[in-house]
């Protein structure tokens, strides 16, 4: 590579002088004109050379992080094979699929009784009607009891087609046909009497609401709320039956697996729950499993992974995330031995740069470390939108 010295020495007299920032006297204009292209070439080569040197230098810095990530991924891949015992919970309409991973083997079970799925299926009827009609609502918040809790902008986005068309009648009638079939077969399902009666109430009220709406070719938020209020007590009964079925099934499975792997292994158990964001706080499976785990470790060993939708490879996703957590637990104490606060961040959900970003932004966080913790946890258990603030 040409150095600054050899670069200048190899240029013509005017070129070198121009490069250094001054112009030497020339004997005639022709010589000046002849020398101009050389000066431009010298300047261009210098810029290119400097830019190339900087790019190469920065690429070498990036290569350090790439090598770190390669090493990190290799450790994670090996660790995935060595994880256990772990229970992976995939929430679904049937009460969940539960997988125990222990000593290289996987045990898969669906422990929740069918009553769970049936009770929830009928409890979802009002939501099914809402989902059919929502696009055809008026985008104006009506004068109803909970009007202040309805976000006008959210309503405007949902009510995308509006009430000017009755195109909703066809899909609503199709849903009614499903409800009618379920109602006609309800007795043959042999449900507990209380659950049978609550399901019948929900189905009857729903079919009445649908028939009235189709006949009138009209509906609105207020009329739907009247229907929803009538069936709510029955929905609560269905929820109670679903909860009881899930508790019985999951507790029974945990007792079985605890006896299978032994007390020593159970004390080290990790549980990874894959949930949808909207159910990731007080998730049903977590509530049941938590008191059955080692209470000294449950806060760090019961892990919820919220997702936009359940992954196609839930076990792979759960183990990949758990491997990251486990290897970071050790890395935190070895790498950040002089700063336990940063070590805790690496072991937890905090971004390592969070505190620095807060400082740079001048974000007021009252109460020092306690206030910062409150800032970091605020809003985790609720929708991030403050619906009580008008703009």
Protein backbone atom coordinates (compact mmCIF):
# COMPACT_ATOMS: atom_id res chain seq x y z
CA UNK A 1 0.00 0.00 0.00
CA UNK A 2 1.31 3.48 -0.85
CA UNK A 3 2.31 5.52 2.16
CA UNK A 4 1.77 9.24 2.42
CA UNK A 5 5.47 9.79 1.71
CA UNK A 6 5.73 7.59 -1.42
CA UNK A 7 2.39 8.87 -2.68
CA UNK A 8 3.58 12.48 -2.66
CA UNK A 9 7.03 11.63 -3.99
CA UNK A 10 5.60 9.86 -7.01
CA UNK A 11 3.40 12.78 -8.05
CA UNK A 12 4.35 15.64 -10.32
CA UNK A 13 5.49 18.94 -8.83
CA UNK A 14 2.13 20.67 -9.16
CA UNK A 15 0.25 17.57 -8.09
CA UNK A 16 2.26 17.29 -4.89
CA UNK A 17 1.91 20.96 -4.14
CA UNK A 18 -1.84 20.88 -4.73
CA UNK A 19 -2.19 17.81 -2.52
CA UNK A 20 -0.40 19.66 0.29
CA UNK A 21 -2.70 22.67 -0.02
CA UNK A 22 -0.70 25.30 -1.92
CA UNK A 23 -0.01 26.17 -5.53
CA UNK A 24 3.51 26.69 -6.89
CA UNK A 25 4.31 29.29 -9.56
CA UNK A 26 4.40 27.82 -13.05
CA UNK A 27 6.31 29.05 -16.12
CA UNK A 28 3.30 29.04 -18.44
CA UNK A 29 -0.37 28.24 -18.68
CA UNK A 30 0.16 25.15 -20.81
CA UNK A 31 2.10 23.45 -18.06
CA UNK A 32 -0.67 24.24 -15.59
CA UNK A 33 -3.29 22.73 -17.85
CA UNK A 34 -1.20 19.64 -18.45
CA UNK A 35 -0.72 19.10 -14.68
CA UNK A 36 -4.41 19.49 -13.64
CA UNK A 37 -5.57 15.93 -14.44
CA UNK A 38 -2.70 14.51 -12.41
CA UNK A 39 -3.75 16.55 -9.39
CA UNK A 40 -7.31 15.23 -9.60
CA UNK A 41 -6.09 11.65 -9.88
CA UNK A 42 -3.84 12.05 -6.86
CA UNK A 43 -6.70 13.41 -4.77
CA UNK A 44 -9.11 10.63 -5.83
CA UNK A 45 -6.63 7.87 -5.07
CA UNK A 46 -6.03 9.31 -1.62
CA UNK A 47 -9.75 9.36 -0.77
CA UNK A 48 -10.29 5.81 -2.00
CA UNK A 49 -7.28 4.55 -0.10
CA UNK A 50 -8.44 6.16 3.17
CA UNK A 51 -11.97 4.86 2.76
CA UNK A 52 -10.74 1.36 2.03
CA UNK A 53 -8.51 1.38 5.10
CA UNK A 54 -11.38 2.51 7.32
CA UNK A 55 -13.77 -0.11 5.91
CA UNK A 56 -11.24 -2.89 6.44
CA UNK A 57 -10.56 -1.71 9.98
CA UNK A 58 -14.25 -1.60 10.86
CA UNK A 59 -14.86 -5.00 9.28
CA UNK A 60 -12.14 -6.45 11.48
CA UNK A 61 -13.95 -5.07 14.53
CA UNK A 62 -17.26 -6.54 13.37
CA UNK A 63 -15.51 -9.87 12.90
CA UNK A 64 -14.89 -10.04 16.64
CA UNK A 65 -18.62 -10.00 17.39
CA UNK A 66 -19.29 -12.50 14.60
CA UNK A 67 -16.75 -14.87 16.13
CA UNK A 68 -18.33 -14.40 19.56
CA UNK A 69 -21.75 -15.25 18.16
CA UNK A 70 -20.35 -18.36 16.48
CA UNK A 71 -18.88 -19.53 19.78
CA UNK A 72 -22.09 -18.64 21.64
CA UNK A 73 -24.20 -20.59 19.15
CA UNK A 74 -21.91 -23.62 19.37
CA UNK A 75 -22.20 -23.67 23.16
CA UNK A 76 -25.98 -23.30 22.93
CA UNK A 77 -26.29 -26.15 20.44
CA UNK A 78 -24.35 -28.49 22.74
CA UNK A 79 -26.24 -27.31 25.82
CA UNK A 80 -29.65 -27.98 24.24
CA UNK A 81 -28.76 -31.67 24.19
CA UNK A 82 -27.84 -31.60 27.88
CA UNK A 83 -30.87 -29.76 29.30
CA UNK A 84 -33.13 -31.44 31.83
CA UNK A 85 -35.36 -32.02 33.55
CA UNK A 86 -37.62 -29.64 31.64
CA UNK A 87 -41.38 -29.49 31.17
CA UNK A 88 -42.49 -27.66 28.03
CA UNK A 89 -46.11 -26.49 28.02
CA UNK A 90 -47.89 -25.71 24.76
CA UNK A 91 -51.22 -24.07 25.50
CA UNK A 92 -54.00 -25.11 23.17
CA UNK A 93 -57.77 -25.54 22.96
CA UNK A 94 -57.57 -28.93 24.66
CA UNK A 95 -55.88 -27.76 27.84
CA UNK A 96 -52.31 -28.01 26.66
CA UNK A 97 -49.67 -30.43 25.42
CA UNK A 98 -47.09 -31.19 28.11
CA UNK A 99 -43.64 -32.58 27.30
CA UNK A 100 -41.15 -33.81 29.91
CA UNK A 101 -37.52 -33.88 28.77
CA UNK A 102 -35.26 -35.91 31.05
CA UNK A 103 -32.01 -37.77 30.40
CA UNK A 104 -32.32 -37.48 26.65
CA UNK A 105 -35.89 -38.77 26.47
CA UNK A 106 -39.18 -36.99 25.82
CA UNK A 107 -42.54 -37.89 27.32
CA UNK A 108 -45.60 -36.22 25.75
CA UNK A 109 -49.05 -36.14 27.35
CA UNK A 110 -52.42 -34.37 27.03
CA UNK A 111 -53.58 -34.56 30.64
CA UNK A 112 -56.69 -32.38 30.67
CA UNK A 113 -60.12 -34.01 30.47
CA UNK A 114 -62.29 -33.36 27.40
CA UNK A 115 -64.72 -31.36 29.53
CA UNK A 116 -62.21 -28.48 29.44
CA UNK A 117 -62.43 -28.14 25.66
CA UNK A 118 -66.20 -28.56 25.52
CA UNK A 119 -66.90 -25.98 28.23
CA UNK A 120 -64.63 -23.40 26.61
CA UNK A 121 -66.03 -24.10 23.15
CA UNK A 122 -69.54 -22.99 24.13
CA UNK A 123 -68.24 -20.17 26.33
CA UNK A 124 -66.63 -18.73 23.19
CA UNK A 125 -69.96 -18.34 21.38
CA UNK A 126 -70.33 -14.58 22.10
CA UNK A 127 -66.78 -14.04 20.86
CA UNK A 128 -67.67 -15.94 17.69
CA UNK A 129 -70.64 -13.66 17.07
CA UNK A 130 -68.57 -10.57 17.80
CA UNK A 131 -65.84 -11.71 15.38
CA UNK A 132 -68.45 -12.05 12.65
CA UNK A 133 -70.08 -8.67 13.22
CA UNK A 134 -67.21 -6.44 14.35
CA UNK A 135 -66.25 -5.17 10.89
CA UNK A 136 -69.83 -3.93 10.36
CA UNK A 137 -70.15 -1.90 13.56
CA UNK A 138 -70.50 1.86 13.50
CA UNK A 139 -67.16 3.55 14.15
CA UNK A 140 -68.83 5.91 16.63
CA UNK A 141 -68.77 5.02 20.31
CA UNK A 142 -72.41 4.87 21.44
CA UNK A 143 -73.80 6.11 24.73
CA UNK A 144 -73.40 2.83 26.64
CA UNK A 145 -72.42 2.17 30.23
CA UNK A 146 -68.76 1.42 29.49
CA UNK A 147 -68.29 3.91 26.66
CA UNK A 148 -65.27 5.45 28.40
CA UNK A 149 -63.51 2.07 28.24
CA UNK A 150 -63.90 1.74 24.46
CA UNK A 151 -60.94 3.23 22.59
CA UNK A 152 -62.40 5.28 19.68
CA UNK A 153 -59.37 4.70 17.46
CA UNK A 154 -59.39 0.95 18.10
CA UNK A 155 -63.10 0.86 17.28
CA UNK A 156 -62.52 2.82 14.11
CA UNK A 157 -59.89 0.32 12.96
CA UNK A 158 -62.06 -2.71 13.80
CA UNK A 159 -65.25 -1.31 12.23
CA UNK A 160 -63.66 -1.19 8.80
CA UNK A 161 -66.78 -1.90 6.71
CA UNK A 162 -69.42 -0.10 8.75
CA UNK A 163 -73.19 -0.61 9.04
CA UNK A 164 -74.09 0.48 5.50
CA UNK A 165 -74.11 -3.13 4.26
CA UNK A 166 -75.84 -6.28 5.50
CA UNK A 167 -73.17 -8.61 4.09
CA UNK A 168 -72.70 -9.89 7.65
CA UNK A 169 -75.96 -11.84 7.52
CA UNK A 170 -74.51 -14.69 5.46
CA UNK A 171 -71.54 -15.56 7.73
CA UNK A 172 -73.70 -14.98 10.82
CA UNK A 173 -76.30 -17.44 9.58
CA UNK A 174 -73.53 -19.96 8.87
CA UNK A 175 -72.37 -19.60 12.47
CA UNK A 176 -75.96 -20.02 13.65
CA UNK A 177 -76.14 -23.31 11.78
CA UNK A 178 -73.15 -24.56 13.77
CA UNK A 179 -74.83 -23.48 17.00
CA UNK A 180 -78.05 -25.23 16.07
CA UNK A 181 -76.22 -28.50 15.41
CA UNK A 182 -74.43 -28.24 18.76
CA UNK A 183 -77.72 -27.52 20.54
CA UNK A 184 -79.42 -30.53 18.96
CA UNK A 185 -76.55 -32.79 20.06
CA UNK A 186 -76.03 -31.32 23.51
CA UNK A 187 -77.93 -34.02 25.41
CA UNK A 188 -75.96 -36.80 23.72
CA UNK A 189 -72.68 -35.22 24.87
CA UNK A 190 -73.41 -36.44 28.44
CA UNK A 191 -72.05 -33.35 30.18
CA UNK A 192 -72.51 -32.75 33.92
CA UNK A 193 -75.99 -31.31 34.44
CA UNK A 194 -74.83 -27.86 35.51
CA UNK A 195 -72.51 -27.58 32.50
CA UNK A 196 -75.23 -28.90 30.18
CA UNK A 197 -77.67 -26.26 31.40
CA UNK A 198 -75.20 -23.38 31.06
CA UNK A 199 -74.28 -24.48 27.54
CA UNK A 200 -77.96 -24.69 26.61
CA UNK A 201 -78.55 -21.17 27.93
CA UNK A 202 -75.67 -19.72 25.91
CA UNK A 203 -76.76 -21.48 22.72
CA UNK A 204 -80.42 -20.48 23.10
CA UNK A 205 -79.64 -16.82 23.76
CA UNK A 206 -77.14 -16.70 20.90
CA UNK A 207 -79.59 -18.18 18.41
CA UNK A 208 -82.25 -15.71 19.52
CA UNK A 209 -79.88 -12.75 19.10
CA UNK A 210 -78.81 -13.94 15.66
CA UNK A 211 -82.39 -14.54 14.49
CA UNK A 212 -83.50 -11.10 15.69
CA UNK A 213 -80.51 -9.39 14.06
CA UNK A 214 -80.96 -11.11 10.70
CA UNK A 215 -84.67 -10.44 10.73
CA UNK A 216 -84.09 -6.74 11.39
CA UNK A 217 -81.04 -6.60 9.12
CA UNK A 218 -79.47 -4.51 11.86
CA UNK A 219 -77.47 -4.68 15.09
CA UNK A 220 -75.32 -2.34 17.15
CA UNK A 221 -72.99 -2.32 20.14
CA UNK A 222 -75.83 -1.74 22.59
CA UNK A 223 -77.91 -4.69 21.37
CA UNK A 224 -74.89 -6.98 21.40
CA UNK A 225 -74.05 -5.92 24.95
CA UNK A 226 -77.58 -6.79 26.11
CA UNK A 227 -77.11 -10.30 24.71
CA UNK A 228 -73.62 -10.65 26.19
CA UNK A 229 -74.86 -9.60 29.61
CA UNK A 230 -77.63 -12.21 29.56
CA UNK A 231 -75.24 -15.09 28.89
CA UNK A 232 -72.40 -13.99 31.15
CA UNK A 233 -73.52 -15.94 34.26
CA UNK A 234 -73.59 -19.11 32.16
CA UNK A 235 -70.15 -18.34 30.76
CA UNK A 236 -68.83 -18.15 34.32
CA UNK A 237 -70.18 -21.63 35.01
CA UNK A 238 -68.43 -22.97 31.92
CA UNK A 239 -65.20 -21.31 33.03
CA UNK A 240 -65.44 -22.97 36.44
CA UNK A 241 -65.81 -26.42 34.85
CA UNK A 242 -62.92 -25.78 32.48
CA UNK A 243 -60.68 -24.61 35.33
CA UNK A 244 -61.52 -27.64 37.48
CA UNK A 245 -60.74 -30.00 34.60
CA UNK A 246 -57.41 -28.37 33.91
CA UNK A 247 -56.32 -28.27 37.55
CA UNK A 248 -57.13 -31.95 38.02
CA UNK A 249 -55.33 -33.01 34.83
CA UNK A 250 -52.16 -30.94 35.24
CA UNK A 251 -51.74 -31.67 38.95
CA UNK A 252 -52.18 -35.37 38.32
CA UNK A 253 -49.56 -35.32 35.56
CA UNK A 254 -47.06 -33.39 37.69
CA UNK A 255 -47.43 -35.88 40.54
CA UNK A 256 -46.87 -38.73 38.09
CA UNK A 257 -43.74 -37.18 36.57
CA UNK A 258 -42.39 -36.18 39.97
CA UNK A 259 -42.52 -39.79 41.11
CA UNK A 260 -41.00 -40.89 37.79
CA UNK A 261 -37.85 -38.71 37.90
CA UNK A 262 -37.42 -38.56 41.68
CA UNK A 263 -37.28 -35.75 44.23
CA UNK A 264 -33.68 -34.70 43.51
CA UNK A 265 -34.33 -34.17 39.81
CA UNK A 266 -37.71 -32.54 40.42
CA UNK A 267 -36.05 -29.96 42.69
CA UNK A 268 -34.01 -28.77 39.68
CA UNK A 269 -36.97 -28.75 37.27
CA UNK A 270 -37.34 -26.02 34.67
CA UNK A 271 -40.80 -25.34 33.23
CA UNK A 272 -41.08 -23.40 29.96
CA UNK A 273 -44.55 -22.19 28.99
CA UNK A 274 -45.16 -21.06 25.42
CA UNK A 275 -48.05 -18.61 25.47
CA UNK A 276 -49.72 -16.01 23.31
CA UNK A 277 -48.92 -12.47 24.49
CA UNK A 278 -52.54 -11.83 25.48
CA UNK A 279 -52.46 -14.75 27.96
CA UNK A 280 -48.87 -14.53 29.13
CA UNK A 281 -49.65 -12.94 32.51
CA UNK A 282 -51.22 -15.33 35.04
CA UNK A 283 -51.15 -18.02 32.40
CA UNK A 284 -53.38 -20.94 33.41
CA UNK A 285 -50.66 -23.63 33.22
CA UNK A 286 -48.19 -21.52 35.21
CA UNK A 287 -50.66 -20.97 38.03
CA UNK A 288 -51.19 -24.70 38.45
CA UNK A 289 -47.57 -25.83 38.09
CA UNK A 290 -45.91 -23.08 40.14
CA UNK A 291 -46.84 -24.35 43.64
CA UNK A 292 -45.70 -27.86 42.68
CA UNK A 293 -42.15 -26.76 41.80
CA UNK A 294 -39.19 -26.16 44.13
CA UNK A 295 -40.21 -22.86 45.74
CA UNK A 296 -36.61 -21.82 46.26
CA UNK A 297 -36.01 -21.86 42.51
CA UNK A 298 -39.43 -21.30 40.99
CA UNK A 299 -38.87 -17.60 40.32
CA UNK A 300 -35.96 -18.40 38.00
CA UNK A 301 -37.02 -21.84 36.79
CA UNK A 302 -40.61 -21.11 35.69
CA UNK A 303 -40.23 -19.30 32.37
CA UNK A 304 -42.95 -17.81 30.19
CA UNK A 305 -42.15 -17.18 26.53
CA UNK A 306 -44.86 -15.00 24.94
CA UNK A 307 -45.20 -15.38 21.19
CA UNK A 308 -47.26 -13.75 18.44
CA UNK A 309 -48.46 -17.23 17.54
CA UNK A 310 -47.49 -20.69 18.69
CA UNK A 311 -44.33 -21.80 16.85
CA UNK A 312 -44.24 -24.72 14.42
CA UNK A 313 -41.44 -26.29 16.47
CA UNK A 314 -42.44 -25.53 20.07
CA UNK A 315 -39.95 -27.90 21.71
CA UNK A 316 -37.09 -26.48 19.66
CA UNK A 317 -38.07 -22.92 20.52
CA UNK A 318 -38.44 -23.72 24.22
CA UNK A 319 -35.09 -25.50 24.49
CA UNK A 320 -33.27 -22.86 22.44
CA UNK A 321 -34.50 -20.12 24.77
CA UNK A 322 -33.82 -22.16 27.89
CA UNK A 323 -30.26 -22.89 26.71
CA UNK A 324 -29.69 -19.15 26.32
CA UNK A 325 -30.99 -18.57 29.84
CA UNK A 326 -28.91 -21.32 31.43
CA UNK A 327 -25.63 -20.38 29.75
CA UNK A 328 -26.21 -16.69 30.47
CA UNK A 329 -26.77 -17.52 34.15
CA UNK A 330 -23.20 -18.77 34.37
CA UNK A 331 -21.77 -16.16 31.99
CA UNK A 332 -23.23 -13.37 34.10
CA UNK A 333 -21.32 -14.38 37.20
CA UNK A 334 -18.05 -15.00 35.34
CA UNK A 335 -18.05 -12.02 32.97
CA UNK A 336 -19.56 -9.35 35.24
CA UNK A 337 -17.98 -10.41 38.51
CA UNK A 338 -17.36 -6.77 39.50
CA UNK A 339 -20.93 -5.55 38.86
CA UNK A 340 -23.75 -7.71 40.21
CA UNK A 341 -26.39 -5.32 38.87
CA UNK A 342 -25.25 -5.86 35.29
CA UNK A 343 -24.87 -9.58 36.02
CA UNK A 344 -28.51 -9.68 37.12
CA UNK A 345 -29.50 -7.94 33.89
CA UNK A 346 -27.74 -10.58 31.80
CA UNK A 347 -29.42 -13.31 33.86
CA UNK A 348 -32.83 -11.70 33.48
CA UNK A 349 -34.99 -9.94 30.89
CA UNK A 350 -33.23 -6.58 30.95
CA UNK A 351 -31.21 -5.30 28.04
CA UNK A 352 -27.68 -4.60 29.24
CA UNK A 353 -27.87 -1.10 27.75
CA UNK A 354 -31.18 -0.20 29.39
CA UNK A 355 -29.75 1.84 32.26
CA UNK A 356 -27.30 3.66 30.00
CA UNK A 357 -30.08 4.54 27.55
CA UNK A 358 -32.22 5.85 30.40
CA UNK A 359 -29.32 8.01 31.54
CA UNK A 360 -28.61 9.33 28.05
CA UNK A 361 -32.26 10.18 27.53
CA UNK A 362 -32.39 11.92 30.88
CA UNK A 363 -35.41 9.85 31.85
CA UNK A 364 -36.45 10.78 35.38
CA UNK A 365 -36.52 7.62 37.47
CA UNK A 366 -37.35 8.41 41.07
CA UNK A 367 -36.05 6.28 43.89
CA UNK A 368 -32.70 5.17 42.46
CA UNK A 369 -32.39 1.46 41.81
CA UNK A 370 -35.87 0.73 43.17
CA UNK A 371 -37.37 3.39 40.93
CA UNK A 372 -35.49 2.04 37.92
CA UNK A 373 -36.83 -1.42 38.64
CA UNK A 374 -40.34 0.00 38.83
CA UNK A 375 -39.82 1.79 35.51
CA UNK A 376 -38.63 -1.43 33.89
CA UNK A 377 -41.54 -3.51 35.15
CA UNK A 378 -44.28 -0.93 34.60
CA UNK A 379 -46.81 -2.03 32.02
CA UNK A 380 -45.59 -5.62 31.66
CA UNK A 381 -48.90 -6.98 32.89
CA UNK A 382 -51.16 -4.72 30.86
CA UNK A 383 -51.76 -3.45 27.37
CA UNK A 384 -49.05 -0.89 26.51
CA UNK A 385 -51.66 1.64 25.41
CA UNK A 386 -52.95 4.03 28.09
CA UNK A 387 -56.62 4.20 27.10
CA UNK A 388 -57.31 6.76 29.81
CA UNK A 389 -55.32 9.50 28.11
CA UNK A 390 -56.99 11.66 25.47
CA UNK A 391 -54.94 13.51 22.93
